[in-house]
PDB file of N, CA and C in Angstrom:
ATOM      1  N   MET A   1     -10.115  -7.314   9.602  1.00  0.00           N
ATOM      2  CA  MET A   1      -9.275  -7.467   8.104  1.00  0.00           C
ATOM      3  C   MET A   1     -10.719  -7.373   7.107  1.00  0.00           C
ATOM      4  N   ASN A   2     -11.605  -7.048   7.352  1.00  0.00           N
ATOM      5  CA  ASN A   2     -12.430  -7.273   5.999  1.00  0.00           C
ATOM      6  C   ASN A   2     -12.501  -5.343   5.849  1.00  0.00           C
ATOM      7  N   ASP A   3     -11.824  -4.296   6.649  1.00  0.00           N
ATOM      8  CA  ASP A   3     -11.491  -3.322   6.361  1.00  0.00           C
ATOM      9  C   ASP A   3     -10.412  -3.051   5.548  1.00  0.00           C
ATOM     10  N   ASN A   4      -9.724  -3.839   5.846  1.00  0.00           N
ATOM     11  CA  ASN A   4      -8.531  -3.790   4.797  1.00  0.00           C
ATOM     12  C   ASN A   4      -8.689  -4.402   3.518  1.00  0.00           C
ATOM     13  N   LYS A   5      -9.525  -5.272   3.326  1.00  0.00           N
ATOM     14  CA  LYS A   5     -10.471  -5.939   1.886  1.00  0.00           C
ATOM     15  C   LYS A   5     -10.943  -4.699   1.333  1.00  0.00           C
ATOM     16  N   ASN A   6     -12.352  -4.257   1.473  1.00  0.00           N
ATOM     17  CA  ASN A   6     -12.529  -2.557   1.420  1.00  0.00           C
ATOM     18  C   ASN A   6     -11.415  -1.756   0.396  1.00  0.00           C
ATOM     19  N   MET A   7     -10.467  -1.828   2.179  1.00  0.00           N
ATOM     20  CA  MET A   7      -9.179  -0.237   1.721  1.00  0.00           C
ATOM     21  C   MET A   7      -8.654  -0.917   0.381  1.00  0.00           C
ATOM     22  N   GLN A   8      -8.698  -1.945  -0.115  1.00  0.00           N
ATOM     23  CA  GLN A   8      -7.655  -2.843  -1.327  1.00  0.00           C
ATOM     24  C   GLN A   8      -8.021  -2.388  -2.367  1.00  0.00           C
ATOM     25  N   ALA A   9      -9.764  -2.868  -2.433  1.00  0.00           N
ATOM     26  CA  ALA A   9     -10.148  -2.332  -3.768  1.00  0.00           C
ATOM     27  C   ALA A   9     -10.561  -1.127  -3.921  1.00  0.00           C
ATOM     28  N   GLU A  10     -10.674  -0.546  -2.799  1.00  0.00           N
ATOM     29  CA  GLU A  10     -11.308   1.034  -3.386  1.00  0.00           C
ATOM     30  C   GLU A  10      -9.914   1.568  -3.402  1.00  0.00           C
ATOM     31  N   MET A  11      -8.511   1.545  -2.818  1.00  0.00           N
ATOM     32  CA  MET A  11      -7.302   3.353  -3.247  1.00  0.00           C
ATOM     33  C   MET A  11      -6.776   2.731  -3.537  1.00  0.00           C
ATOM     34  N   LYS A  12      -6.278   3.835  -4.652  1.00  0.00           N
ATOM     35  CA  LYS A  12      -5.461   3.272  -5.245  1.00  0.00           C
ATOM     36  C   LYS A  12      -3.864   3.336  -5.395  1.00  0.00           C
ATOM     37  N   TYR A  13      -3.264   2.256  -5.784  1.00  0.00           N
ATOM     38  CA  TYR A  13      -1.285   2.711  -5.405  1.00  0.00           C
ATOM     39  C   TYR A  13      -0.669   4.035  -4.963  1.00  0.00           C
ATOM     40  N   GLU A  14      -1.375   5.053  -5.523  1.00  0.00           N
ATOM     41  CA  GLU A  14      -0.824   5.954  -5.303  1.00  0.00           C
ATOM     42  C   GLU A  14      -1.254   6.812  -3.777  1.00  0.00           C
ATOM     43  N   GLU A  15      -2.619   6.859  -3.651  1.00  0.00           N
ATOM     44  CA  GLU A  15      -2.714   7.013  -2.831  1.00  0.00           C
ATOM     45  C   GLU A  15      -2.015   5.930  -1.437  1.00  0.00           C
ATOM     46  N   ALA A  16      -1.589   5.353  -1.687  1.00  0.00           N
ATOM     47  CA  ALA A  16      -1.564   4.526  -0.256  1.00  0.00           C
ATOM     48  C   ALA A  16      -0.126   4.828  -0.253  1.00  0.00           C
ATOM     49  N   VAL A  17       0.429   5.184  -1.445  1.00  0.00           N
ATOM     50  CA  VAL A  17       1.574   6.090  -0.742  1.00  0.00           C
ATOM     51  C   VAL A  17       1.927   7.047  -0.236  1.00  0.00           C
ATOM     52  N   VAL A  18       0.919   7.931  -0.819  1.00  0.00           N
ATOM     53  CA  VAL A  18       0.493   9.237   0.073  1.00  0.00           C
ATOM     54  C   VAL A  18       0.163   8.910   1.094  1.00  0.00           C
ATOM     55  N   GLN A  19      -0.634   8.363   1.946  1.00  0.00           N
ATOM     56  CA  GLN A  19      -0.934   7.856   3.214  1.00  0.00           C
ATOM     57  C   GLN A  19       0.665   7.441   3.689  1.00  0.00           C
ATOM     58  N   LEU A  20       1.281   6.952   3.277  1.00  0.00           N
ATOM     59  CA  LEU A  20       2.103   6.284   4.797  1.00  0.00           C
ATOM     60  C   LEU A  20       3.639   7.199   3.692  1.00  0.00           C
ATOM     61  N   GLU A  21       4.063   8.222   3.421  1.00  0.00           N
ATOM     62  CA  GLU A  21       4.745   9.215   3.509  1.00  0.00           C
ATOM     63  C   GLU A  21       4.392   9.979   4.489  1.00  0.00           C
ATOM     64  N   ALA A  22       3.387  10.404   4.718  1.00  0.00           N
ATOM     65  CA  ALA A  22       2.320  11.120   5.372  1.00  0.00           C
ATOM     66  C   ALA A  22       2.614  10.467   7.217  1.00  0.00           C
ATOM     67  N   ILE A  23       2.221   9.577   7.304  1.00  0.00           N
ATOM     68  CA  ILE A  23       2.556   8.541   8.690  1.00  0.00           C
ATOM     69  C   ILE A  23       3.815   8.484   9.209  1.00  0.00           C
ATOM     70  N   VAL A  24       5.019   8.198   8.026  1.00  0.00           N
ATOM     71  CA  VAL A  24       6.000   8.521   8.503  1.00  0.00           C
ATOM     72  C   VAL A  24       6.957  10.086   8.359  1.00  0.00           C
ATOM     73  N   ARG A  25       6.859  11.088   8.180  1.00  0.00           N
ATOM     74  CA  ARG A  25       7.091  12.421   7.695  1.00  0.00           C
ATOM     75  C   ARG A  25       6.717  12.981   9.802  1.00  0.00           C
ATOM     76  N   LYS A  26       5.141  12.317   9.767  1.00  0.00           N
ATOM     77  CA  LYS A  26       4.631  12.236  11.634  1.00  0.00           C
ATOM     78  C   LYS A  26       5.526  12.016  11.974  1.00  0.00           C
ATOM     79  N   MET A  27       5.423  10.556  12.238  1.00  0.00           N
ATOM     80  CA  MET A  27       6.759   9.728  13.277  1.00  0.00           C
ATOM     81  C   MET A  27       7.940  10.807  13.694  1.00  0.00           C
ATOM     82  N   GLU A  28       8.839  10.948  12.389  1.00  0.00           N
ATOM     83  CA  GLU A  28       9.754  11.465  12.149  1.00  0.00           C
ATOM     84  C   GLU A  28      10.300  13.081  13.385  1.00  0.00           C
ATOM     85  N   ASN A  29       9.151  13.774  12.876  1.00  0.00           N
ATOM     86  CA  ASN A  29       9.332  14.798  13.750  1.00  0.00           C
ATOM     87  C   ASN A  29       7.840  14.765  15.130  1.00  0.00           C
ATOM     88  N   ASP A  30       8.015  13.271  15.599  1.00  0.00           N
ATOM     89  CA  ASP A  30       7.191  12.775  16.771  1.00  0.00           C
ATOM     90  C   ASP A  30       5.548  13.548  16.629  1.00  0.00           C
ATOM     91  N   GLU A  31       5.330  13.613  16.643  1.00  0.00           N
ATOM     92  CA  GLU A  31       3.310  14.576  16.202  1.00  0.00           C
ATOM     93  C   GLU A  31       2.605  13.381  16.968  1.00  0.00           C
ATOM     94  N   PHE A  32       3.351  12.003  17.131  1.00  0.00           N
ATOM     95  CA  PHE A  32       2.135  11.104  17.164  1.00  0.00           C
ATOM     96  C   PHE A  32       2.778  11.154  19.016  1.00  0.00           C
ATOM     97  N   ASP A  33       1.394  11.011  19.713  1.00  0.00           N
ATOM     98  CA  ASP A  33       1.211   9.763  20.890  1.00  0.00           C
ATOM     99  C   ASP A  33       1.379   8.271  20.949  1.00  0.00           C
ATOM    100  N   ILE A  34       1.681   7.824  21.785  1.00  0.00           N
ATOM    101  CA  ILE A  34       1.601   6.658  22.368  1.00  0.00           C
ATOM    102  C   ILE A  34       0.338   5.800  21.171  1.00  0.00           C
ATOM    103  N   ASP A  35      -0.425   6.171  21.749  1.00  0.00           N
ATOM    104  CA  ASP A  35      -1.813   5.464  21.262  1.00  0.00           C
ATOM    105  C   ASP A  35      -1.888   6.250  19.663  1.00  0.00           C
ATOM    106  N   GLU A  36      -1.557   7.231  19.130  1.00  0.00           N
ATOM    107  CA  GLU A  36      -1.736   7.209  18.351  1.00  0.00           C
ATOM    108  C   GLU A  36      -0.925   6.341  17.003  1.00  0.00           C
ATOM    109  N   LEU A  37       0.105   6.718  17.381  1.00  0.00           N
ATOM    110  CA  LEU A  37       1.458   5.705  16.848  1.00  0.00           C
ATOM    111  C   LEU A  37       1.069   3.655  17.316  1.00  0.00           C
ATOM    112  N   THR A  38       0.685   3.510  17.482  1.00  0.00           N
ATOM    113  CA  THR A  38       0.439   2.299  17.511  1.00  0.00           C
ATOM    114  C   THR A  38      -1.130   1.843  16.262  1.00  0.00           C
ATOM    115  N   GLU A  39      -1.793   2.974  16.187  1.00  0.00           N
ATOM    116  CA  GLU A  39      -3.082   2.670  15.326  1.00  0.00           C
ATOM    117  C   GLU A  39      -2.297   2.532  14.008  1.00  0.00           C
ATOM    118  N   GLN A  40      -1.562   4.360  13.933  1.00  0.00           N
ATOM    119  CA  GLN A  40      -1.016   4.345  12.234  1.00  0.00           C
ATOM    120  C   GLN A  40       0.273   3.858  12.333  1.00  0.00           C
ATOM    121  N   LEU A  41       0.617   2.764  13.334  1.00  0.00           N
ATOM    122  CA  LEU A  41       1.460   1.517  12.442  1.00  0.00           C
ATOM    123  C   LEU A  41       0.951   0.886  12.705  1.00  0.00           C
ATOM    124  N   LYS A  42      -0.242   0.158  12.558  1.00  0.00           N
ATOM    125  CA  LYS A  42      -1.513  -0.691  11.852  1.00  0.00           C
ATOM    126  C   LYS A  42      -1.587   0.046  10.738  1.00  0.00           C
ATOM    127  N   LYS A  43      -2.191   0.563  10.596  1.00  0.00           N
ATOM    128  CA  LYS A  43      -2.618   1.532   9.271  1.00  0.00           C
ATOM    129  C   LYS A  43      -1.304   1.278   8.437  1.00  0.00           C
ATOM    130  N   ALA A  44      -0.567   1.532   8.732  1.00  0.00           N
ATOM    131  CA  ALA A  44       1.141   1.653   8.124  1.00  0.00           C
ATOM    132  C   ALA A  44       1.328   0.493   7.196  1.00  0.00           C
ATOM    133  N   GLN A  45       1.215  -0.554   8.108  1.00  0.00           N
ATOM    134  CA  GLN A  45       1.214  -1.846   7.845  1.00  0.00           C
ATOM    135  C   GLN A  45       0.231  -2.371   6.326  1.00  0.00           C
ATOM    136  N   GLN A  46      -0.930  -1.960   6.736  1.00  0.00           N
ATOM    137  CA  GLN A  46      -2.231  -2.325   5.754  1.00  0.00           C
ATOM    138  C   GLN A  46      -1.718  -1.707   4.461  1.00  0.00           C
ATOM    139  N   LEU A  47      -1.341  -0.125   4.581  1.00  0.00           N
ATOM    140  CA  LEU A  47      -0.589   0.037   2.896  1.00  0.00           C
ATOM    141  C   LEU A  47       0.282  -0.312   2.668  1.00  0.00           C
ATOM    142  N   LEU A  48       0.960  -0.666   3.325  1.00  0.00           N
ATOM    143  CA  LEU A  48       1.951  -1.146   2.935  1.00  0.00           C
ATOM    144  C   LEU A  48       1.816  -2.791   2.309  1.00  0.00           C
ATOM    145  N   LYS A  49       1.172  -3.269   3.060  1.00  0.00           N
ATOM    146  CA  LYS A  49       0.095  -4.606   2.374  1.00  0.00           C
ATOM    147  C   LYS A  49       0.482  -4.863   1.174  1.00  0.00           C
ATOM    148  N   LEU A  50      -1.137  -3.194   0.477  1.00  0.00           N
ATOM    149  CA  LEU A  50      -1.799  -2.941  -0.264  1.00  0.00           C
ATOM    150  C   LEU A  50      -1.060  -2.883  -1.662  1.00  0.00           C
ATOM    151  N   CYS A  51       0.166  -1.530  -1.167  1.00  0.00           N
ATOM    152  CA  CYS A  51       0.941  -1.478  -1.613  1.00  0.00           C
ATOM    153  C   CYS A  51       1.983  -2.420  -2.809  1.00  0.00           C
ATOM    154  N   LYS A  52       2.772  -3.590  -1.922  1.00  0.00           N
ATOM    155  CA  LYS A  52       2.926  -4.936  -2.136  1.00  0.00           C
ATOM    156  C   LYS A  52       1.949  -5.818  -2.825  1.00  0.00           C
ATOM    157  N   ASP A  53       0.952  -5.968  -2.663  1.00  0.00           N
ATOM    158  CA  ASP A  53      -0.139  -6.538  -3.217  1.00  0.00           C
ATOM    159  C   ASP A  53      -0.218  -6.126  -4.748  1.00  0.00           C
ATOM    160  N   LYS A  54      -0.476  -5.127  -4.745  1.00  0.00           N
ATOM    161  CA  LYS A  54      -0.560  -4.528  -6.276  1.00  0.00           C
ATOM    162  C   LYS A  54       0.181  -4.306  -7.314  1.00  0.00           C
ATOM    163  N   LEU A  55       1.822  -3.696  -6.836  1.00  0.00           N
ATOM    164  CA  LEU A  55       2.937  -4.096  -7.333  1.00  0.00           C
ATOM    165  C   LEU A  55       3.275  -5.532  -7.219  1.00  0.00           C
ATOM    166  N   THR A  56       2.939  -6.942  -6.917  1.00  0.00           N
ATOM    167  CA  THR A  56       2.980  -7.954  -7.251  1.00  0.00           C
ATOM    168  C   THR A  56       1.932  -8.139  -8.352  1.00  0.00           C
ATOM    169  N   LYS A  57       1.148  -7.722  -8.444  1.00  0.00           N
ATOM    170  CA  LYS A  57       0.258  -8.047  -9.113  1.00  0.00           C
ATOM    171  C   LYS A  57       0.563  -7.117 -10.384  1.00  0.00           C
ATOM    172  N   THR A  58       0.340  -6.371 -10.570  1.00  0.00           N
ATOM    173  CA  THR A  58       1.056  -5.616 -11.860  1.00  0.00           C
ATOM    174  C   THR A  58       2.065  -6.300 -12.687  1.00  0.00           C
ATOM    175  N   GLU A  59       2.805  -6.740 -11.737  1.00  0.00           N
ATOM    176  CA  GLU A  59       4.382  -7.450 -12.012  1.00  0.00           C
ATOM    177  C   GLU A  59       3.717  -8.302 -12.744  1.00  0.00           C
ATOM    178  N   THR A  60       2.864  -9.589 -12.699  1.00  0.00           N
ATOM    179  CA  THR A  60       2.404 -10.173 -13.113  1.00  0.00           C
ATOM    180  C   THR A  60       1.757  -9.997 -14.039  1.00  0.00           C
ATOM    181  N   GLU A  61       1.251  -9.422 -14.150  1.00  0.00           N
ATOM    182  CA  GLU A  61       0.122  -8.744 -15.304  1.00  0.00           C
ATOM    183  C   GLU A  61       0.993  -8.386 -16.694  1.00  0.00           C
ATOM    184  N   VAL A  62       2.174  -7.647 -16.110  1.00  0.00           N
ATOM    185  CA  VAL A  62       2.863  -7.113 -17.008  1.00  0.00           C
ATOM    186  C   VAL A  62       3.878  -8.514 -18.213  1.00  0.00           C
ATOM    187  N   LYS A  63       4.413  -8.924 -17.166  1.00  0.00           N
ATOM    188  CA  LYS A  63       4.637 -10.149 -17.503  1.00  0.00           C
ATOM    189  C   LYS A  63       4.282 -11.489 -18.582  1.00  0.00           C
ATOM    190  N   ASN A  64       2.872 -11.304 -18.097  1.00  0.00           N
ATOM    191  CA  ASN A  64       1.972 -11.619 -19.258  1.00  0.00           C
ATOM    192  C   ASN A  64       2.033 -11.269 -20.484  1.00  0.00           C
ATOM    193  N   LEU A  65       2.049  -9.333 -20.325  1.00  0.00           N
ATOM    194  CA  LEU A  65       1.353  -9.336 -21.417  1.00  0.00           C
ATOM    195  C   LEU A  65       2.467  -9.017 -22.621  1.00  0.00           C
ATOM    196  N   LEU A  66       4.017  -9.016 -21.607  1.00  0.00           N
ATOM    197  CA  LEU A  66       5.465  -9.399 -22.889  1.00  0.00           C
ATOM    198  C   LEU A  66       5.010 -10.944 -23.281  1.00  0.00           C
ATOM    199  N   GLN A  67       5.182 -11.910 -22.147  1.00  0.00           N
ATOM    200  CA  GLN A  67       5.072 -13.197 -22.895  1.00  0.00           C
ATOM    201  C   GLN A  67       4.726 -12.944 -24.001  1.00  0.00           C
ATOM    202  N   ASN A  68       3.465 -12.999 -23.619  1.00  0.00           N
ATOM    203  CA  ASN A  68       2.129 -12.575 -25.274  1.00  0.00           C
ATOM    204  C   ASN A  68       3.009 -12.273 -26.246  1.00  0.00           C
ATOM    205  N   VAL A  69       3.082 -10.974 -26.558  1.00  0.00           N
ATOM    206  CA  VAL A  69       3.751  -9.914 -26.838  1.00  0.00           C
ATOM    207  C   VAL A  69       4.962 -10.720 -27.807  1.00  0.00           C
ATOM    208  N   ALA A  70       5.526 -11.540 -27.380  1.00  0.00           N
ATOM    209  CA  ALA A  70       6.695 -12.039 -27.597  1.00  0.00           C
ATOM    210  C   ALA A  70       6.671 -13.482 -28.650  1.00  0.00           C
ATOM    211  N   GLU A  71       5.351 -13.999 -28.354  1.00  0.00           N
ATOM    212  CA  GLU A  71       4.636 -15.293 -28.442  1.00  0.00           C
ATOM    213  C   GLU A  71       4.121 -15.021 -29.524  1.00  0.00           C
ATOM    214  N   GLU A  72       4.148 -13.917 -30.129  1.00  0.00           N
ATOM    215  CA  GLU A  72       3.049 -13.175 -31.249  1.00  0.00           C
ATOM    216  C   GLU A  72       3.872 -13.163 -32.739  1.00  0.00           C
TER     217      GLU A  72
END
């Protein structure tokens, strides 16, 4: 889990999406053996969580900014 926190702190949203797209492309082309598939699915799960967390945080920040602008 500590690796996931480090991943979140260092990786940008766009980088995570690029990695996810690469994993999906390789899965669709059957480029992973069963051991790699398991590891890549775990990585994809972490990347998806990272993206979701970043989107949620950004949505909250935008709502707060818009609310502040509306109040001025």
